[in-house]
Amino acid sequence: MTQTLNIQHLPPEAIHSLMTHFPDYVKVALIEKATQLECSLEAAIEMAIASFLDSEAFSFEDCLLSQHLKESELVESPQRK
């Protein structure tokens, strides 16, 4: 059986819309970080959010939030038989 991975990234349109709502100093910091890392603004913001959710994550792809949530659900509710 072949397993497929559903990978989602932030679209550029969403980032540019979001950027209009940030204070200027946050915009400058995000642009500087993207430049420093030599990546797109979208990637820099994705890294920031992913690392907030999972300190070892660099992107939504390797963010373990969903795994952590699944594990906590198993702990909180016993499996039904």
PDB file of N, CA and C in Angstrom:
ATOM      1  N   MET A   1       0.841  -1.174   0.000  1.00  0.00           N
ATOM      2  CA  MET A   1       0.000   0.000   0.000  1.00  0.00           C
ATOM      3  C   MET A   1       0.891   1.244   0.000  1.00  0.00           C
ATOM      4  N   THR A   2       0.579   2.176  -0.859  1.00  0.00           N
ATOM      5  CA  THR A   2       1.339   3.418  -0.952  1.00  0.00           C
ATOM      6  C   THR A   2       0.699   4.476  -0.071  1.00  0.00           C
ATOM      7  N   GLN A   3       1.501   5.092   0.775  1.00  0.00           N
ATOM      8  CA  GLN A   3       1.002   6.140   1.657  1.00  0.00           C
ATOM      9  C   GLN A   3       1.347   7.492   1.061  1.00  0.00           C
ATOM     10  N   THR A   4       0.363   8.359   0.970  1.00  0.00           N
ATOM     11  CA  THR A   4       0.612   9.706   0.466  1.00  0.00           C
ATOM     12  C   THR A   4       0.615  10.681   1.620  1.00  0.00           C
ATOM     13  N   LEU A   5       1.398  11.716   1.481  1.00  0.00           N
ATOM     14  CA  LEU A   5       1.527  12.736   2.514  1.00  0.00           C
ATOM     15  C   LEU A   5       0.905  14.023   1.997  1.00  0.00           C
ATOM     16  N   ASN A   6      -0.046  14.542   2.726  1.00  0.00           N
ATOM     17  CA  ASN A   6      -0.691  15.793   2.339  1.00  0.00           C
ATOM     18  C   ASN A   6       0.116  16.945   2.931  1.00  0.00           C
ATOM     19  N   ILE A   7       0.831  17.655   2.084  1.00  0.00           N
ATOM     20  CA  ILE A   7       1.705  18.743   2.525  1.00  0.00           C
ATOM     21  C   ILE A   7       1.034  20.074   2.215  1.00  0.00           C
ATOM     22  N   GLN A   8       0.953  20.917   3.213  1.00  0.00           N
ATOM     23  CA  GLN A   8       0.348  22.222   3.019  1.00  0.00           C
ATOM     24  C   GLN A   8       1.341  23.305   3.411  1.00  0.00           C
ATOM     25  N   HIS A   9       1.375  24.326   2.592  1.00  0.00           N
ATOM     26  CA  HIS A   9       2.211  25.488   2.872  1.00  0.00           C
ATOM     27  C   HIS A   9       1.347  26.736   2.780  1.00  0.00           C
ATOM     28  N   LEU A  10       1.855  27.813   3.307  1.00  0.00           N
ATOM     29  CA  LEU A  10       1.140  29.073   3.226  1.00  0.00           C
ATOM     30  C   LEU A  10       1.261  29.652   1.827  1.00  0.00           C
ATOM     31  N   PRO A  11       0.148  29.990   1.191  1.00  0.00           N
ATOM     32  CA  PRO A  11       0.231  30.596  -0.138  1.00  0.00           C
ATOM     33  C   PRO A  11       0.716  32.043  -0.032  1.00  0.00           C
ATOM     34  N   PRO A  12       1.426  32.518  -1.039  1.00  0.00           N
ATOM     35  CA  PRO A  12       1.937  33.895  -1.022  1.00  0.00           C
ATOM     36  C   PRO A  12       0.835  34.932  -0.800  1.00  0.00           C
ATOM     37  N   GLU A  13      -0.339  34.688  -1.365  1.00  0.00           N
ATOM     38  CA  GLU A  13      -1.441  35.645  -1.216  1.00  0.00           C
ATOM     39  C   GLU A  13      -1.835  35.806   0.257  1.00  0.00           C
ATOM     40  N   ALA A  14      -1.856  34.697   0.988  1.00  0.00           N
ATOM     41  CA  ALA A  14      -2.218  34.750   2.410  1.00  0.00           C
ATOM     42  C   ALA A  14      -1.183  35.527   3.210  1.00  0.00           C
ATOM     43  N   ILE A  15       0.086  35.310   2.877  1.00  0.00           N
ATOM     44  CA  ILE A  15       1.162  36.007   3.584  1.00  0.00           C
ATOM     45  C   ILE A  15       1.095  37.509   3.335  1.00  0.00           C
ATOM     46  N   HIS A  16       0.908  37.892   2.086  1.00  0.00           N
ATOM     47  CA  HIS A  16       0.869  39.325   1.770  1.00  0.00           C
ATOM     48  C   HIS A  16      -0.343  39.988   2.417  1.00  0.00           C
ATOM     49  N   SER A  17      -1.440  39.274   2.517  1.00  0.00           N
ATOM     50  CA  SER A  17      -2.613  39.804   3.217  1.00  0.00           C
ATOM     51  C   SER A  17      -2.330  39.926   4.712  1.00  0.00           C
ATOM     52  N   LEU A  18      -1.714  38.913   5.273  1.00  0.00           N
ATOM     53  CA  LEU A  18      -1.380  38.914   6.702  1.00  0.00           C
ATOM     54  C   LEU A  18      -0.394  40.027   7.041  1.00  0.00           C
ATOM     55  N   MET A  19       0.569  40.249   6.169  1.00  0.00           N
ATOM     56  CA  MET A  19       1.595  41.258   6.419  1.00  0.00           C
ATOM     57  C   MET A  19       1.001  42.655   6.590  1.00  0.00           C
ATOM     58  N   THR A  20      -0.117  42.938   5.949  1.00  0.00           N
ATOM     59  CA  THR A  20      -0.720  44.267   6.071  1.00  0.00           C
ATOM     60  C   THR A  20      -1.224  44.532   7.487  1.00  0.00           C
ATOM     61  N   HIS A  21      -1.405  43.482   8.271  1.00  0.00           N
ATOM     62  CA  HIS A  21      -1.942  43.623   9.625  1.00  0.00           C
ATOM     63  C   HIS A  21      -0.863  43.674  10.712  1.00  0.00           C
ATOM     64  N   PHE A  22       0.385  43.358  10.350  1.00  0.00           N
ATOM     65  CA  PHE A  22       1.470  43.376  11.324  1.00  0.00           C
ATOM     66  C   PHE A  22       1.965  44.794  11.550  1.00  0.00           C
ATOM     67  N   PRO A  23       2.450  45.085  12.763  1.00  0.00           N
ATOM     68  CA  PRO A  23       3.122  46.367  12.991  1.00  0.00           C
ATOM     69  C   PRO A  23       4.387  46.437  12.121  1.00  0.00           C
ATOM     70  N   ASP A  24       4.813  47.636  11.813  1.00  0.00           N
ATOM     71  CA  ASP A  24       5.969  47.821  10.937  1.00  0.00           C
ATOM     72  C   ASP A  24       7.219  47.108  11.436  1.00  0.00           C
ATOM     73  N   TYR A  25       7.467  47.133  12.739  1.00  0.00           N
ATOM     74  CA  TYR A  25       8.683  46.500  13.253  1.00  0.00           C
ATOM     75  C   TYR A  25       8.654  44.990  13.068  1.00  0.00           C
ATOM     76  N   VAL A  26       7.467  44.386  13.089  1.00  0.00           N
ATOM     77  CA  VAL A  26       7.345  42.945  12.855  1.00  0.00           C
ATOM     78  C   VAL A  26       7.588  42.650  11.370  1.00  0.00           C
ATOM     79  N   LYS A  27       7.029  43.483  10.506  1.00  0.00           N
ATOM     80  CA  LYS A  27       7.260  43.313   9.065  1.00  0.00           C
ATOM     81  C   LYS A  27       8.751  43.361   8.752  1.00  0.00           C
ATOM     82  N   VAL A  28       9.429  44.368   9.306  1.00  0.00           N
ATOM     83  CA  VAL A  28      10.865  44.533   9.065  1.00  0.00           C
ATOM     84  C   VAL A  28      11.627  43.307   9.577  1.00  0.00           C
ATOM     85  N   ALA A  29      11.292  42.844  10.763  1.00  0.00           N
ATOM     86  CA  ALA A  29      11.982  41.685  11.338  1.00  0.00           C
ATOM     87  C   ALA A  29      11.776  40.430  10.487  1.00  0.00           C
ATOM     88  N   LEU A  30      10.568  40.221   9.998  1.00  0.00           N
ATOM     89  CA  LEU A  30      10.290  39.041   9.169  1.00  0.00           C
ATOM     90  C   LEU A  30      11.026  39.114   7.834  1.00  0.00           C
ATOM     91  N   ILE A  31      11.042  40.281   7.236  1.00  0.00           N
ATOM     92  CA  ILE A  31      11.753  40.455   5.962  1.00  0.00           C
ATOM     93  C   ILE A  31      13.250  40.260   6.164  1.00  0.00           C
ATOM     94  N   GLU A  32      13.788  40.807   7.246  1.00  0.00           N
ATOM     95  CA  GLU A  32      15.213  40.639   7.540  1.00  0.00           C
ATOM     96  C   GLU A  32      15.554  39.175   7.789  1.00  0.00           C
ATOM     97  N   LYS A  33      14.685  38.459   8.499  1.00  0.00           N
ATOM     98  CA  LYS A  33      14.932  37.042   8.774  1.00  0.00           C
ATOM     99  C   LYS A  33      14.895  36.234   7.487  1.00  0.00           C
ATOM    100  N   ALA A  34      13.934  36.518   6.609  1.00  0.00           N
ATOM    101  CA  ALA A  34      13.856  35.820   5.323  1.00  0.00           C
ATOM    102  C   ALA A  34      15.123  36.079   4.499  1.00  0.00           C
ATOM    103  N   THR A  35      15.597  37.314   4.516  1.00  0.00           N
ATOM    104  CA  THR A  35      16.822  37.663   3.790  1.00  0.00           C
ATOM    105  C   THR A  35      18.020  36.941   4.386  1.00  0.00           C
ATOM    106  N   GLN A  36      18.108  36.942   5.702  1.00  0.00           N
ATOM    107  CA  GLN A  36      19.218  36.276   6.396  1.00  0.00           C
ATOM    108  C   GLN A  36      19.246  34.787   6.080  1.00  0.00           C
ATOM    109  N   LEU A  37      18.078  34.153   6.039  1.00  0.00           N
ATOM    110  CA  LEU A  37      17.997  32.717   5.774  1.00  0.00           C
ATOM    111  C   LEU A  37      17.982  32.384   4.289  1.00  0.00           C
ATOM    112  N   GLU A  38      17.958  33.436   3.471  1.00  0.00           N
ATOM    113  CA  GLU A  38      17.896  33.276   2.017  1.00  0.00           C
ATOM    114  C   GLU A  38      16.718  32.410   1.603  1.00  0.00           C
ATOM    115  N   CYS A  39      15.543  32.761   2.139  1.00  0.00           N
ATOM    116  CA  CYS A  39      14.317  32.042   1.809  1.00  0.00           C
ATOM    117  C   CYS A  39      13.194  33.036   1.572  1.00  0.00           C
ATOM    118  N   SER A  40      12.077  32.537   1.111  1.00  0.00           N
ATOM    119  CA  SER A  40      10.937  33.412   0.854  1.00  0.00           C
ATOM    120  C   SER A  40      10.326  33.897   2.167  1.00  0.00           C
ATOM    121  N   LEU A  41       9.592  34.966   2.071  1.00  0.00           N
ATOM    122  CA  LEU A  41       8.868  35.482   3.234  1.00  0.00           C
ATOM    123  C   LEU A  41       7.886  34.433   3.743  1.00  0.00           C
ATOM    124  N   GLU A  42       7.237  33.726   2.815  1.00  0.00           N
ATOM    125  CA  GLU A  42       6.292  32.672   3.189  1.00  0.00           C
ATOM    126  C   GLU A  42       6.989  31.602   4.025  1.00  0.00           C
ATOM    127  N   ALA A  43       8.177  31.190   3.597  1.00  0.00           N
ATOM    128  CA  ALA A  43       8.921  30.155   4.322  1.00  0.00           C
ATOM    129  C   ALA A  43       9.349  30.646   5.702  1.00  0.00           C
ATOM    130  N   ALA A  44       9.773  31.896   5.799  1.00  0.00           N
ATOM    131  CA  ALA A  44      10.203  32.440   7.086  1.00  0.00           C
ATOM    132  C   ALA A  44       9.041  32.479   8.074  1.00  0.00           C
ATOM    133  N   ILE A  45       7.866  32.896   7.605  1.00  0.00           N
ATOM    134  CA  ILE A  45       6.699  32.951   8.496  1.00  0.00           C
ATOM    135  C   ILE A  45       6.256  31.540   8.864  1.00  0.00           C
ATOM    136  N   GLU A  46       6.290  30.623   7.908  1.00  0.00           N
ATOM    137  CA  GLU A  46       5.935  29.230   8.198  1.00  0.00           C
ATOM    138  C   GLU A  46       6.875  28.644   9.250  1.00  0.00           C
ATOM    139  N   MET A  47       8.177  28.933   9.120  1.00  0.00           N
ATOM    140  CA  MET A  47       9.146  28.454  10.111  1.00  0.00           C
ATOM    141  C   MET A  47       8.848  29.025  11.486  1.00  0.00           C
ATOM    142  N   ALA A  48       8.498  30.302  11.539  1.00  0.00           N
ATOM    143  CA  ALA A  48       8.208  30.941  12.824  1.00  0.00           C
ATOM    144  C   ALA A  48       7.009  30.290  13.497  1.00  0.00           C
ATOM    145  N   ILE A  49       5.947  30.058  12.733  1.00  0.00           N
ATOM    146  CA  ILE A  49       4.744  29.448  13.297  1.00  0.00           C
ATOM    147  C   ILE A  49       5.012  28.001  13.684  1.00  0.00           C
ATOM    148  N   ALA A  50       5.656  27.245  12.799  1.00  0.00           N
ATOM    149  CA  ALA A  50       5.934  25.834  13.069  1.00  0.00           C
ATOM    150  C   ALA A  50       6.825  25.676  14.300  1.00  0.00           C
ATOM    151  N   SER A  51       7.841  26.520  14.433  1.00  0.00           N
ATOM    152  CA  SER A  51       8.730  26.395  15.594  1.00  0.00           C
ATOM    153  C   SER A  51       8.052  26.828  16.887  1.00  0.00           C
ATOM    154  N   PHE A  52       7.035  27.674  16.788  1.00  0.00           N
ATOM    155  CA  PHE A  52       6.246  28.036  17.966  1.00  0.00           C
ATOM    156  C   PHE A  52       5.426  26.829  18.429  1.00  0.00           C
ATOM    157  N   LEU A  53       4.882  26.093  17.477  1.00  0.00           N
ATOM    158  CA  LEU A  53       4.061  24.930  17.796  1.00  0.00           C
ATOM    159  C   LEU A  53       4.890  23.710  18.185  1.00  0.00           C
ATOM    160  N   ASP A  54       6.067  23.591  17.596  1.00  0.00           N
ATOM    161  CA  ASP A  54       6.956  22.453  17.836  1.00  0.00           C
ATOM    162  C   ASP A  54       8.380  22.977  17.744  1.00  0.00           C
ATOM    163  N   SER A  55       9.072  23.046  18.866  1.00  0.00           N
ATOM    164  CA  SER A  55      10.387  23.696  18.908  1.00  0.00           C
ATOM    165  C   SER A  55      11.414  23.059  17.978  1.00  0.00           C
ATOM    166  N   GLU A  56      11.182  21.845  17.514  1.00  0.00           N
ATOM    167  CA  GLU A  56      12.126  21.185  16.619  1.00  0.00           C
ATOM    168  C   GLU A  56      11.724  21.284  15.148  1.00  0.00           C
ATOM    169  N   ALA A  57      10.609  21.953  14.856  1.00  0.00           N
ATOM    170  CA  ALA A  57      10.095  22.014  13.488  1.00  0.00           C
ATOM    171  C   ALA A  57      10.678  23.189  12.715  1.00  0.00           C
ATOM    172  N   PHE A  58      10.884  22.966  11.418  1.00  0.00           N
ATOM    173  CA  PHE A  58      11.317  24.026  10.516  1.00  0.00           C
ATOM    174  C   PHE A  58      10.207  24.433   9.565  1.00  0.00           C
ATOM    175  N   SER A  59       9.190  23.591   9.440  1.00  0.00           N
ATOM    176  CA  SER A  59       8.076  23.888   8.535  1.00  0.00           C
ATOM    177  C   SER A  59       6.846  23.129   9.015  1.00  0.00           C
ATOM    178  N   PHE A  60       5.732  23.368   8.360  1.00  0.00           N
ATOM    179  CA  PHE A  60       4.518  22.649   8.717  1.00  0.00           C
ATOM    180  C   PHE A  60       4.675  21.158   8.446  1.00  0.00           C
ATOM    181  N   GLU A  61       5.516  20.801   7.478  1.00  0.00           N
ATOM    182  CA  GLU A  61       5.723  19.401   7.127  1.00  0.00           C
ATOM    183  C   GLU A  61       6.287  18.604   8.293  1.00  0.00           C
ATOM    184  N   ASP A  62       7.211  19.175   9.020  1.00  0.00           N
ATOM    185  CA  ASP A  62       7.822  18.417  10.106  1.00  0.00           C
ATOM    186  C   ASP A  62       7.334  18.852  11.483  1.00  0.00           C
ATOM    187  N   CYS A  63       6.297  19.633  11.504  1.00  0.00           N
ATOM    188  CA  CYS A  63       5.695  20.042  12.761  1.00  0.00           C
ATOM    189  C   CYS A  63       4.948  18.855  13.354  1.00  0.00           C
ATOM    190  N   LEU A  64       5.268  18.513  14.564  1.00  0.00           N
ATOM    191  CA  LEU A  64       4.699  17.323  15.186  1.00  0.00           C
ATOM    192  C   LEU A  64       3.437  17.624  15.976  1.00  0.00           C
ATOM    193  N   LEU A  65       2.839  18.784  15.768  1.00  0.00           N
ATOM    194  CA  LEU A  65       1.658  19.146  16.524  1.00  0.00           C
ATOM    195  C   LEU A  65       0.562  18.106  16.375  1.00  0.00           C
ATOM    196  N   SER A  66       0.290  17.660  15.171  1.00  0.00           N
ATOM    197  CA  SER A  66      -0.779  16.685  14.969  1.00  0.00           C
ATOM    198  C   SER A  66      -0.461  15.388  15.697  1.00  0.00           C
ATOM    199  N   GLN A  67       0.801  14.970  15.688  1.00  0.00           N
ATOM    200  CA  GLN A  67       1.184  13.754  16.402  1.00  0.00           C
ATOM    201  C   GLN A  67       1.023  13.937  17.910  1.00  0.00           C
ATOM    202  N   HIS A  68       1.419  15.101  18.419  1.00  0.00           N
ATOM    203  CA  HIS A  68       1.261  15.373  19.845  1.00  0.00           C
ATOM    204  C   HIS A  68      -0.211  15.365  20.240  1.00  0.00           C
ATOM    205  N   LEU A  69      -1.059  15.932  19.393  1.00  0.00           N
ATOM    206  CA  LEU A  69      -2.490  15.959  19.681  1.00  0.00           C
ATOM    207  C   LEU A  69      -3.072  14.549  19.690  1.00  0.00           C
ATOM    208  N   LYS A  70      -2.663  13.718  18.734  1.00  0.00           N
ATOM    209  CA  LYS A  70      -3.141  12.337  18.693  1.00  0.00           C
ATOM    210  C   LYS A  70      -2.712  11.585  19.948  1.00  0.00           C
ATOM    211  N   GLU A  71      -1.468  11.774  20.350  1.00  0.00           N
ATOM    212  CA  GLU A  71      -0.967  11.104  21.541  1.00  0.00           C
ATOM    213  C   GLU A  71      -1.715  11.556  22.791  1.00  0.00           C
ATOM    214  N   SER A  72      -2.001  12.848  22.897  1.00  0.00           N
ATOM    215  CA  SER A  72      -2.709  13.343  24.080  1.00  0.00           C
ATOM    216  C   SER A  72      -4.145  12.843  24.108  1.00  0.00           C
ATOM    217  N   GLU A  73      -4.765  12.682  22.938  1.00  0.00           N
ATOM    218  CA  GLU A  73      -6.119  12.133  22.884  1.00  0.00           C
ATOM    219  C   GLU A  73      -6.127  10.689  23.365  1.00  0.00           C
ATOM    220  N   LEU A  74      -5.100   9.920  23.018  1.00  0.00           N
ATOM    221  CA  LEU A  74      -5.017   8.531  23.458  1.00  0.00           C
ATOM    222  C   LEU A  74      -4.836   8.444  24.962  1.00  0.00           C
ATOM    223  N   VAL A  75      -4.088   9.357  25.525  1.00  0.00           N
ATOM    224  CA  VAL A  75      -3.853   9.376  26.970  1.00  0.00           C
ATOM    225  C   VAL A  75      -5.123   9.778  27.707  1.00  0.00           C
ATOM    226  N   GLU A  76      -5.836  10.785  27.189  1.00  0.00           N
ATOM    227  CA  GLU A  76      -7.021  11.302  27.860  1.00  0.00           C
ATOM    228  C   GLU A  76      -8.205  10.350  27.792  1.00  0.00           C
ATOM    229  N   SER A  77      -8.380   9.651  26.687  1.00  0.00           N
ATOM    230  CA  SER A  77      -9.536   8.757  26.560  1.00  0.00           C
ATOM    231  C   SER A  77      -9.065   7.348  26.254  1.00  0.00           C
ATOM    232  N   PRO A  78      -9.449   6.389  27.098  1.00  0.00           N
ATOM    233  CA  PRO A  78      -9.044   4.998  26.854  1.00  0.00           C
ATOM    234  C   PRO A  78      -9.669   4.493  25.553  1.00  0.00           C
ATOM    235  N   GLN A  79      -8.958   3.582  24.898  1.00  0.00           N
ATOM    236  CA  GLN A  79      -9.456   3.027  23.648  1.00  0.00           C
ATOM    237  C   GLN A  79     -10.657   2.136  23.911  1.00  0.00           C
ATOM    238  N   ARG A  80     -11.622   2.275  23.010  1.00  0.00           N
ATOM    239  CA  ARG A  80     -12.811   1.443  23.116  1.00  0.00           C
ATOM    240  C   ARG A  80     -12.577   0.124  22.422  1.00  0.00           C
ATOM    241  N   LYS A  81     -13.136  -0.942  22.983  1.00  0.00           N
ATOM    242  CA  LYS A  81     -12.987  -2.263  22.385  1.00  0.00           C
ATOM    243  C   LYS A  81     -14.300  -2.754  21.877  1.00  0.00           C
TER     244      LYS A  81
END
